[in-house]
Amino acid sequence: MIAVDTNILVYYMVEGENTTLAQKIKERDPEWIIPPLWKHEFINVLAVIHMQKKKQGKDLTQYQSVWEDALMLFSESETPVDMSKALDLAIKNGISGYDAQFVVMAEDLDVKLVTADKELLRKFPETAVSMEAFANGSDFKFVKEKRAEYGKKVKDSH
């Protein structure tokens, strides 16, 4: 099981330069989890793509069917997010509340977050992994351990 951000979903569903990479990620781990927020981000990306293509003189009415296919494929992958934790993480790390939901979900479930977001890759190296690294088979298993407390005096029980 892996968490994926909305960009990965779009790359998987809308043919483009990253589609093959998204397909490799799905082949490597077909169990994707996403926060309920994905729906809002996904339709926004589809609308933006449509507007960009429309300016090029293309009529792209297929986005409604892409939306419906995405709902069928990913609705059951929705995973609740502790929104208080997401807010705290966003504030402490200077990221959007949207991005924080993906990070919190992944951290709470001890899974990797596959993302194309360079900021998340930089700020959360123990949780976030790039599309390329994951698709190319790098093994990113990790164990969360408490940081050792060096330099503290231990009480002598004698």
N, C-alpha and C. Protein backbone atom coordinates (compact mmCIF):
# COMPACT_ATOMS: atom_id res chain seq x y z
N MET A 1 0.84 -1.18 0.00
CA MET A 1 0.00 0.00 0.00
C MET A 1 0.89 1.24 0.00
N ILE A 2 0.51 2.22 -0.83
CA ILE A 2 1.19 3.51 -0.88
C ILE A 2 0.16 4.62 -0.94
N ALA A 3 0.55 5.78 -0.47
CA ALA A 3 -0.26 6.98 -0.65
C ALA A 3 0.26 7.66 -1.92
N VAL A 4 -0.64 8.22 -2.69
CA VAL A 4 -0.25 8.96 -3.89
C VAL A 4 -0.94 10.31 -3.86
N ASP A 5 -0.28 11.31 -4.41
CA ASP A 5 -0.93 12.62 -4.46
C ASP A 5 -1.77 12.73 -5.73
N THR A 6 -2.53 13.79 -5.82
CA THR A 6 -3.48 13.95 -6.92
C THR A 6 -2.79 14.00 -8.27
N ASN A 7 -1.59 14.56 -8.32
CA ASN A 7 -0.88 14.59 -9.60
C ASN A 7 -0.66 13.20 -10.16
N ILE A 8 -0.36 12.24 -9.30
CA ILE A 8 -0.15 10.86 -9.75
C ILE A 8 -1.44 10.32 -10.35
N LEU A 9 -2.56 10.61 -9.70
CA LEU A 9 -3.86 10.17 -10.23
C LEU A 9 -4.10 10.76 -11.62
N VAL A 10 -3.81 12.05 -11.76
CA VAL A 10 -4.02 12.71 -13.06
C VAL A 10 -3.10 12.10 -14.11
N TYR A 11 -1.83 11.91 -13.77
CA TYR A 11 -0.90 11.30 -14.71
C TYR A 11 -1.37 9.91 -15.14
N TYR A 12 -1.97 9.19 -14.21
CA TYR A 12 -2.47 7.85 -14.50
C TYR A 12 -3.70 7.89 -15.42
N MET A 13 -4.55 8.88 -15.22
CA MET A 13 -5.83 8.92 -15.94
C MET A 13 -5.81 9.72 -17.24
N VAL A 14 -4.94 10.71 -17.35
CA VAL A 14 -4.90 11.58 -18.52
C VAL A 14 -3.59 11.34 -19.26
N GLU A 15 -3.69 10.89 -20.48
CA GLU A 15 -2.50 10.57 -21.28
C GLU A 15 -1.59 11.78 -21.40
N GLY A 16 -0.32 11.56 -21.04
CA GLY A 16 0.66 12.62 -21.10
C GLY A 16 2.06 12.07 -20.88
N GLU A 17 3.02 12.95 -20.68
CA GLU A 17 4.41 12.52 -20.58
C GLU A 17 4.70 11.68 -19.33
N ASN A 18 3.89 11.78 -18.30
CA ASN A 18 4.12 11.00 -17.07
C ASN A 18 3.20 9.80 -16.90
N THR A 19 2.38 9.51 -17.91
CA THR A 19 1.42 8.41 -17.81
C THR A 19 2.12 7.06 -17.64
N THR A 20 3.15 6.81 -18.43
CA THR A 20 3.86 5.53 -18.33
C THR A 20 4.47 5.35 -16.95
N LEU A 21 5.01 6.41 -16.41
CA LEU A 21 5.59 6.37 -15.07
C LEU A 21 4.52 6.07 -14.03
N ALA A 22 3.38 6.71 -14.13
CA ALA A 22 2.27 6.45 -13.20
C ALA A 22 1.79 5.01 -13.32
N GLN A 23 1.77 4.47 -14.53
CA GLN A 23 1.37 3.08 -14.73
C GLN A 23 2.37 2.13 -14.08
N LYS A 24 3.65 2.45 -14.15
CA LYS A 24 4.67 1.62 -13.50
C LYS A 24 4.48 1.62 -11.98
N ILE A 25 4.13 2.78 -11.45
CA ILE A 25 3.88 2.88 -10.00
C ILE A 25 2.71 1.98 -9.63
N LYS A 26 1.65 2.01 -10.42
CA LYS A 26 0.46 1.18 -10.16
C LYS A 26 0.80 -0.30 -10.26
N GLU A 27 1.67 -0.65 -11.22
CA GLU A 27 2.10 -2.05 -11.35
C GLU A 27 2.91 -2.49 -10.15
N ARG A 28 3.78 -1.62 -9.68
CA ARG A 28 4.63 -1.96 -8.53
C ARG A 28 3.82 -2.11 -7.26
N ASP A 29 2.84 -1.23 -7.06
CA ASP A 29 1.97 -1.33 -5.89
C ASP A 29 0.58 -0.87 -6.29
N PRO A 30 -0.33 -1.80 -6.53
CA PRO A 30 -1.68 -1.44 -7.00
C PRO A 30 -2.62 -0.91 -5.92
N GLU A 31 -2.20 -0.98 -4.66
CA GLU A 31 -3.07 -0.50 -3.59
C GLU A 31 -2.71 0.93 -3.23
N TRP A 32 -3.48 1.86 -3.77
CA TRP A 32 -3.26 3.29 -3.56
C TRP A 32 -4.26 3.82 -2.55
N ILE A 33 -3.79 4.70 -1.67
CA ILE A 33 -4.70 5.38 -0.76
C ILE A 33 -4.59 6.89 -1.00
N ILE A 34 -5.71 7.57 -0.80
CA ILE A 34 -5.79 9.00 -1.05
C ILE A 34 -6.79 9.62 -0.08
N PRO A 35 -6.56 10.87 0.32
CA PRO A 35 -7.54 11.53 1.19
C PRO A 35 -8.76 11.96 0.37
N PRO A 36 -9.91 12.15 1.01
CA PRO A 36 -11.11 12.58 0.28
C PRO A 36 -10.91 13.86 -0.53
N LEU A 37 -9.95 14.67 -0.15
CA LEU A 37 -9.62 15.90 -0.87
C LEU A 37 -9.33 15.66 -2.35
N TRP A 38 -8.90 14.46 -2.71
CA TRP A 38 -8.48 14.19 -4.08
C TRP A 38 -9.52 14.61 -5.11
N LYS A 39 -10.78 14.44 -4.78
CA LYS A 39 -11.85 14.74 -5.74
C LYS A 39 -11.83 16.22 -6.13
N HIS A 40 -11.66 17.08 -5.15
CA HIS A 40 -11.65 18.52 -5.40
C HIS A 40 -10.44 18.91 -6.26
N GLU A 41 -9.28 18.38 -5.89
CA GLU A 41 -8.07 18.68 -6.66
C GLU A 41 -8.15 18.11 -8.07
N PHE A 42 -8.67 16.91 -8.18
CA PHE A 42 -8.73 16.23 -9.48
C PHE A 42 -9.61 16.99 -10.47
N ILE A 43 -10.81 17.39 -10.04
CA ILE A 43 -11.68 18.10 -11.00
C ILE A 43 -11.10 19.46 -11.34
N ASN A 44 -10.39 20.07 -10.41
CA ASN A 44 -9.74 21.35 -10.71
C ASN A 44 -8.67 21.17 -11.79
N VAL A 45 -7.85 20.13 -11.65
CA VAL A 45 -6.81 19.88 -12.65
C VAL A 45 -7.45 19.59 -14.01
N LEU A 46 -8.50 18.79 -14.04
CA LEU A 46 -9.18 18.51 -15.31
C LEU A 46 -9.71 19.79 -15.95
N ALA A 47 -10.28 20.66 -15.14
CA ALA A 47 -10.81 21.92 -15.67
C ALA A 47 -9.69 22.79 -16.23
N VAL A 48 -8.56 22.86 -15.53
CA VAL A 48 -7.42 23.65 -16.00
C VAL A 48 -6.87 23.08 -17.30
N ILE A 49 -6.71 21.76 -17.36
CA ILE A 49 -6.22 21.13 -18.59
C ILE A 49 -7.16 21.45 -19.75
N HIS A 50 -8.45 21.32 -19.49
CA HIS A 50 -9.43 21.59 -20.53
C HIS A 50 -9.32 23.03 -21.03
N MET A 51 -9.20 23.98 -20.12
CA MET A 51 -9.08 25.39 -20.53
C MET A 51 -7.83 25.63 -21.36
N GLN A 52 -6.72 25.00 -20.96
CA GLN A 52 -5.47 25.15 -21.72
C GLN A 52 -5.60 24.57 -23.11
N LYS A 53 -6.21 23.40 -23.21
CA LYS A 53 -6.36 22.74 -24.52
C LYS A 53 -7.38 23.48 -25.39
N LYS A 54 -8.39 24.04 -24.77
CA LYS A 54 -9.42 24.78 -25.51
C LYS A 54 -8.80 26.00 -26.19
N LYS A 55 -7.85 26.65 -25.51
CA LYS A 55 -7.15 27.79 -26.09
C LYS A 55 -6.37 27.38 -27.34
N GLN A 56 -6.01 26.10 -27.41
CA GLN A 56 -5.29 25.58 -28.58
C GLN A 56 -6.25 25.14 -29.68
N GLY A 57 -7.55 25.42 -29.48
CA GLY A 57 -8.55 25.07 -30.48
C GLY A 57 -9.04 23.64 -30.41
N LYS A 58 -8.79 22.97 -29.31
CA LYS A 58 -9.21 21.58 -29.17
C LYS A 58 -10.46 21.50 -28.32
N ASP A 59 -11.42 20.70 -28.76
CA ASP A 59 -12.62 20.47 -27.96
C ASP A 59 -12.45 19.15 -27.22
N LEU A 60 -12.33 19.24 -25.94
CA LEU A 60 -12.01 18.05 -25.16
C LEU A 60 -13.13 17.73 -24.17
N THR A 61 -14.19 17.18 -24.69
CA THR A 61 -15.33 16.83 -23.85
C THR A 61 -15.12 15.52 -23.11
N GLN A 62 -13.99 14.85 -23.36
CA GLN A 62 -13.75 13.55 -22.73
C GLN A 62 -13.45 13.66 -21.25
N TYR A 63 -13.26 14.87 -20.72
CA TYR A 63 -12.89 14.97 -19.31
C TYR A 63 -14.00 14.54 -18.37
N GLN A 64 -15.23 14.62 -18.82
CA GLN A 64 -16.33 14.09 -17.99
C GLN A 64 -16.18 12.58 -17.82
N SER A 65 -15.82 11.89 -18.90
CA SER A 65 -15.64 10.44 -18.78
C SER A 65 -14.38 10.10 -17.98
N VAL A 66 -13.34 10.92 -18.07
CA VAL A 66 -12.15 10.72 -17.24
C VAL A 66 -12.53 10.85 -15.77
N TRP A 67 -13.35 11.85 -15.46
CA TRP A 67 -13.82 12.06 -14.09
C TRP A 67 -14.60 10.84 -13.60
N GLU A 68 -15.52 10.37 -14.41
CA GLU A 68 -16.34 9.22 -14.01
C GLU A 68 -15.48 7.97 -13.84
N ASP A 69 -14.51 7.76 -14.72
CA ASP A 69 -13.61 6.61 -14.59
C ASP A 69 -12.77 6.72 -13.31
N ALA A 70 -12.30 7.93 -13.01
CA ALA A 70 -11.51 8.14 -11.80
C ALA A 70 -12.34 7.83 -10.55
N LEU A 71 -13.58 8.27 -10.56
CA LEU A 71 -14.46 7.97 -9.41
C LEU A 71 -14.60 6.47 -9.21
N MET A 72 -14.79 5.74 -10.30
CA MET A 72 -14.93 4.28 -10.20
C MET A 72 -13.64 3.64 -9.70
N LEU A 73 -12.50 4.12 -10.17
CA LEU A 73 -11.22 3.52 -9.81
C LEU A 73 -10.74 3.87 -8.41
N PHE A 74 -10.99 5.10 -7.98
CA PHE A 74 -10.31 5.58 -6.77
C PHE A 74 -11.20 5.88 -5.57
N SER A 75 -12.50 5.90 -5.72
CA SER A 75 -13.36 6.25 -4.58
C SER A 75 -13.16 5.32 -3.39
N GLU A 76 -12.94 4.05 -3.65
CA GLU A 76 -12.75 3.10 -2.55
C GLU A 76 -11.37 3.23 -1.91
N SER A 77 -10.50 4.01 -2.53
CA SER A 77 -9.15 4.23 -1.99
C SER A 77 -9.12 5.37 -0.98
N GLU A 78 -10.24 6.07 -0.86
CA GLU A 78 -10.29 7.21 0.06
C GLU A 78 -10.04 6.75 1.49
N THR A 79 -9.20 7.51 2.16
CA THR A 79 -8.81 7.20 3.53
C THR A 79 -8.97 8.46 4.37
N PRO A 80 -9.64 8.36 5.50
CA PRO A 80 -9.83 9.55 6.35
C PRO A 80 -8.50 10.12 6.83
N VAL A 81 -8.52 11.42 7.08
CA VAL A 81 -7.32 12.13 7.54
C VAL A 81 -7.65 12.87 8.83
N ASP A 82 -6.73 12.83 9.76
CA ASP A 82 -6.87 13.61 10.99
C ASP A 82 -6.59 15.07 10.62
N MET A 83 -7.64 15.86 10.49
CA MET A 83 -7.51 17.23 10.01
C MET A 83 -6.77 18.13 11.00
N SER A 84 -6.89 17.85 12.29
CA SER A 84 -6.14 18.64 13.29
C SER A 84 -4.65 18.43 13.10
N LYS A 85 -4.26 17.17 12.87
CA LYS A 85 -2.85 16.88 12.61
C LYS A 85 -2.39 17.55 11.32
N ALA A 86 -3.27 17.54 10.31
CA ALA A 86 -2.92 18.16 9.03
C ALA A 86 -2.69 19.66 9.20
N LEU A 87 -3.55 20.31 9.97
CA LEU A 87 -3.38 21.74 10.22
C LEU A 87 -2.07 22.01 10.95
N ASP A 88 -1.80 21.23 11.97
CA ASP A 88 -0.57 21.38 12.75
C ASP A 88 0.66 21.18 11.86
N LEU A 89 0.65 20.15 11.04
CA LEU A 89 1.77 19.87 10.15
C LEU A 89 1.96 20.99 9.14
N ALA A 90 0.86 21.50 8.60
CA ALA A 90 0.93 22.58 7.61
C ALA A 90 1.57 23.82 8.22
N ILE A 91 1.13 24.18 9.41
CA ILE A 91 1.65 25.38 10.08
C ILE A 91 3.12 25.20 10.45
N LYS A 92 3.47 24.06 11.01
CA LYS A 92 4.84 23.84 11.46
C LYS A 92 5.84 23.74 10.31
N ASN A 93 5.37 23.30 9.13
CA ASN A 93 6.28 23.05 8.03
C ASN A 93 6.12 24.00 6.84
N GLY A 94 5.21 24.95 6.96
CA GLY A 94 5.05 25.92 5.89
C GLY A 94 4.59 25.32 4.58
N ILE A 95 3.63 24.38 4.67
CA ILE A 95 3.07 23.78 3.45
C ILE A 95 1.57 24.03 3.45
N SER A 96 0.94 23.75 2.32
CA SER A 96 -0.51 23.95 2.23
C SER A 96 -1.24 22.91 3.08
N GLY A 97 -2.42 23.26 3.49
CA GLY A 97 -3.27 22.32 4.20
C GLY A 97 -3.63 21.12 3.33
N TYR A 98 -3.66 21.35 2.02
CA TYR A 98 -3.95 20.26 1.08
C TYR A 98 -2.82 19.24 1.11
N ASP A 99 -1.59 19.72 0.94
CA ASP A 99 -0.43 18.82 0.95
C ASP A 99 -0.30 18.11 2.29
N ALA A 100 -0.58 18.84 3.37
CA ALA A 100 -0.45 18.25 4.70
C ALA A 100 -1.36 17.04 4.87
N GLN A 101 -2.52 17.05 4.24
CA GLN A 101 -3.44 15.91 4.36
C GLN A 101 -2.81 14.64 3.79
N PHE A 102 -2.11 14.76 2.68
CA PHE A 102 -1.47 13.59 2.08
C PHE A 102 -0.34 13.08 2.98
N VAL A 103 0.45 13.99 3.53
CA VAL A 103 1.58 13.61 4.39
C VAL A 103 1.08 12.96 5.67
N VAL A 104 0.10 13.56 6.32
CA VAL A 104 -0.44 13.00 7.57
C VAL A 104 -1.03 11.61 7.33
N MET A 105 -1.78 11.47 6.27
CA MET A 105 -2.36 10.16 5.96
C MET A 105 -1.27 9.11 5.81
N ALA A 106 -0.23 9.43 5.05
CA ALA A 106 0.87 8.48 4.83
C ALA A 106 1.59 8.17 6.14
N GLU A 107 1.89 9.22 6.92
CA GLU A 107 2.61 9.01 8.18
C GLU A 107 1.78 8.19 9.16
N ASP A 108 0.49 8.48 9.26
CA ASP A 108 -0.36 7.74 10.20
C ASP A 108 -0.45 6.26 9.86
N LEU A 109 -0.35 5.93 8.58
CA LEU A 109 -0.44 4.54 8.15
C LEU A 109 0.92 3.90 7.90
N ASP A 110 1.99 4.65 8.16
CA ASP A 110 3.36 4.17 7.94
C ASP A 110 3.58 3.64 6.52
N VAL A 111 3.12 4.43 5.55
CA VAL A 111 3.34 4.08 4.14
C VAL A 111 4.05 5.25 3.46
N LYS A 112 4.62 4.98 2.32
CA LYS A 112 5.26 6.02 1.53
C LYS A 112 4.22 6.86 0.80
N LEU A 113 4.55 8.13 0.61
CA LEU A 113 3.76 9.04 -0.21
C LEU A 113 4.53 9.24 -1.51
N VAL A 114 3.98 8.73 -2.60
CA VAL A 114 4.60 8.91 -3.91
C VAL A 114 4.08 10.23 -4.47
N THR A 115 5.03 11.10 -4.82
CA THR A 115 4.65 12.46 -5.22
C THR A 115 5.62 13.02 -6.24
N ALA A 116 5.14 14.00 -6.99
CA ALA A 116 6.00 14.76 -7.89
C ALA A 116 6.31 16.13 -7.29
N ASP A 117 5.84 16.37 -6.08
CA ASP A 117 5.98 17.66 -5.41
C ASP A 117 7.37 17.77 -4.78
N LYS A 118 8.21 18.61 -5.38
CA LYS A 118 9.60 18.75 -4.91
C LYS A 118 9.68 19.26 -3.47
N GLU A 119 8.76 20.13 -3.08
CA GLU A 119 8.77 20.64 -1.72
C GLU A 119 8.52 19.52 -0.71
N LEU A 120 7.55 18.67 -1.00
CA LEU A 120 7.26 17.56 -0.09
C LEU A 120 8.42 16.57 -0.06
N LEU A 121 9.03 16.33 -1.20
CA LEU A 121 10.19 15.44 -1.23
C LEU A 121 11.32 15.99 -0.37
N ARG A 122 11.51 17.30 -0.39
CA ARG A 122 12.57 17.94 0.38
C ARG A 122 12.25 17.99 1.88
N LYS A 123 11.02 18.34 2.21
CA LYS A 123 10.66 18.54 3.61
C LYS A 123 10.31 17.26 4.36
N PHE A 124 9.95 16.21 3.63
CA PHE A 124 9.53 14.96 4.28
C PHE A 124 10.24 13.75 3.67
N PRO A 125 11.57 13.72 3.75
CA PRO A 125 12.32 12.65 3.09
C PRO A 125 12.06 11.25 3.64
N GLU A 126 11.58 11.15 4.86
CA GLU A 126 11.28 9.82 5.41
C GLU A 126 9.93 9.30 4.95
N THR A 127 9.09 10.19 4.43
CA THR A 127 7.74 9.80 4.02
C THR A 127 7.56 9.87 2.52
N ALA A 128 8.02 10.94 1.91
CA ALA A 128 7.79 11.18 0.49
C ALA A 128 8.88 10.56 -0.37
N VAL A 129 8.47 10.02 -1.51
CA VAL A 129 9.39 9.43 -2.47
C VAL A 129 8.96 9.88 -3.87
N SER A 130 9.93 10.10 -4.74
CA SER A 130 9.62 10.57 -6.09
C SER A 130 8.98 9.45 -6.92
N MET A 131 8.28 9.87 -7.93
CA MET A 131 7.66 8.92 -8.86
C MET A 131 8.73 8.01 -9.47
N GLU A 132 9.81 8.63 -9.93
CA GLU A 132 10.87 7.89 -10.61
C GLU A 132 11.51 6.85 -9.70
N ALA A 133 11.83 7.26 -8.49
CA ALA A 133 12.48 6.33 -7.56
C ALA A 133 11.57 5.15 -7.24
N PHE A 134 10.30 5.43 -7.00
CA PHE A 134 9.39 4.34 -6.67
C PHE A 134 9.17 3.42 -7.87
N ALA A 135 8.94 4.01 -9.03
CA ALA A 135 8.67 3.22 -10.24
C ALA A 135 9.86 2.36 -10.64
N ASN A 136 11.07 2.84 -10.35
CA ASN A 136 12.27 2.11 -10.73
C ASN A 136 12.67 1.04 -9.73
N GLY A 137 11.79 0.81 -8.76
CA GLY A 137 11.98 -0.33 -7.88
C GLY A 137 12.83 -0.11 -6.66
N SER A 138 13.16 1.12 -6.34
CA SER A 138 13.91 1.36 -5.12
C SER A 138 13.08 0.89 -3.93
N ASP A 139 13.72 0.27 -2.99
CA ASP A 139 13.01 -0.23 -1.81
C ASP A 139 13.07 0.82 -0.73
N PHE A 140 11.91 1.34 -0.34
CA PHE A 140 11.86 2.44 0.60
C PHE A 140 11.19 2.04 1.90
N LYS A 141 11.41 0.83 2.34
CA LYS A 141 10.85 0.43 3.63
C LYS A 141 11.58 1.20 4.72
N PHE A 142 10.86 1.61 5.70
CA PHE A 142 11.48 2.36 6.78
C PHE A 142 10.79 2.04 8.08
N VAL A 143 11.51 2.26 9.14
CA VAL A 143 10.98 2.06 10.47
C VAL A 143 11.09 3.39 11.19
N LYS A 144 10.00 3.81 11.79
CA LYS A 144 10.04 5.03 12.58
C LYS A 144 10.50 4.67 13.98
N GLU A 145 11.56 5.30 14.41
CA GLU A 145 12.07 5.06 15.74
C GLU A 145 12.18 6.37 16.48
N LYS A 146 12.07 6.29 17.79
CA LYS A 146 12.27 7.49 18.58
C LYS A 146 13.75 7.86 18.52
N ARG A 147 14.01 9.13 18.42
CA ARG A 147 15.38 9.63 18.40
C ARG A 147 16.00 9.39 19.77
N ALA A 148 17.21 8.88 19.76
CA ALA A 148 17.93 8.64 21.01
C ALA A 148 18.22 9.96 21.70
N GLU A 149 18.14 9.95 23.00
CA GLU A 149 18.40 11.16 23.78
C GLU A 149 19.79 11.04 24.39
N TYR A 150 20.76 11.61 23.70
CA TYR A 150 22.14 11.56 24.16
C TYR A 150 22.42 12.72 25.10
N GLY A 151 23.32 12.50 26.01
CA GLY A 151 23.75 13.57 26.89
C GLY A 151 22.90 13.76 28.13
N LYS A 152 21.82 13.01 28.25
CA LYS A 152 21.00 13.13 29.46
C LYS A 152 21.59 12.26 30.55
N LYS A 153 21.58 12.80 31.73
CA LYS A 153 22.09 12.03 32.87
C LYS A 153 21.05 11.02 33.29
N VAL A 154 21.53 9.85 33.57
CA VAL A 154 20.67 8.78 34.04
C VAL A 154 20.78 8.73 35.56
N LYS A 155 19.64 8.70 36.24
CA LYS A 155 19.64 8.65 37.70
C LYS A 155 20.21 7.31 38.14
N ASP A 156 21.05 7.39 39.10
CA ASP A 156 21.64 6.17 39.67
C ASP A 156 20.64 5.63 40.69
N SER A 157 20.23 4.40 40.51
CA SER A 157 19.21 3.83 41.39
C SER A 157 19.81 3.20 42.63
N HIS A 158 21.12 3.30 42.84
CA HIS A 158 21.76 2.70 44.01
C HIS A 158 21.71 3.59 45.20
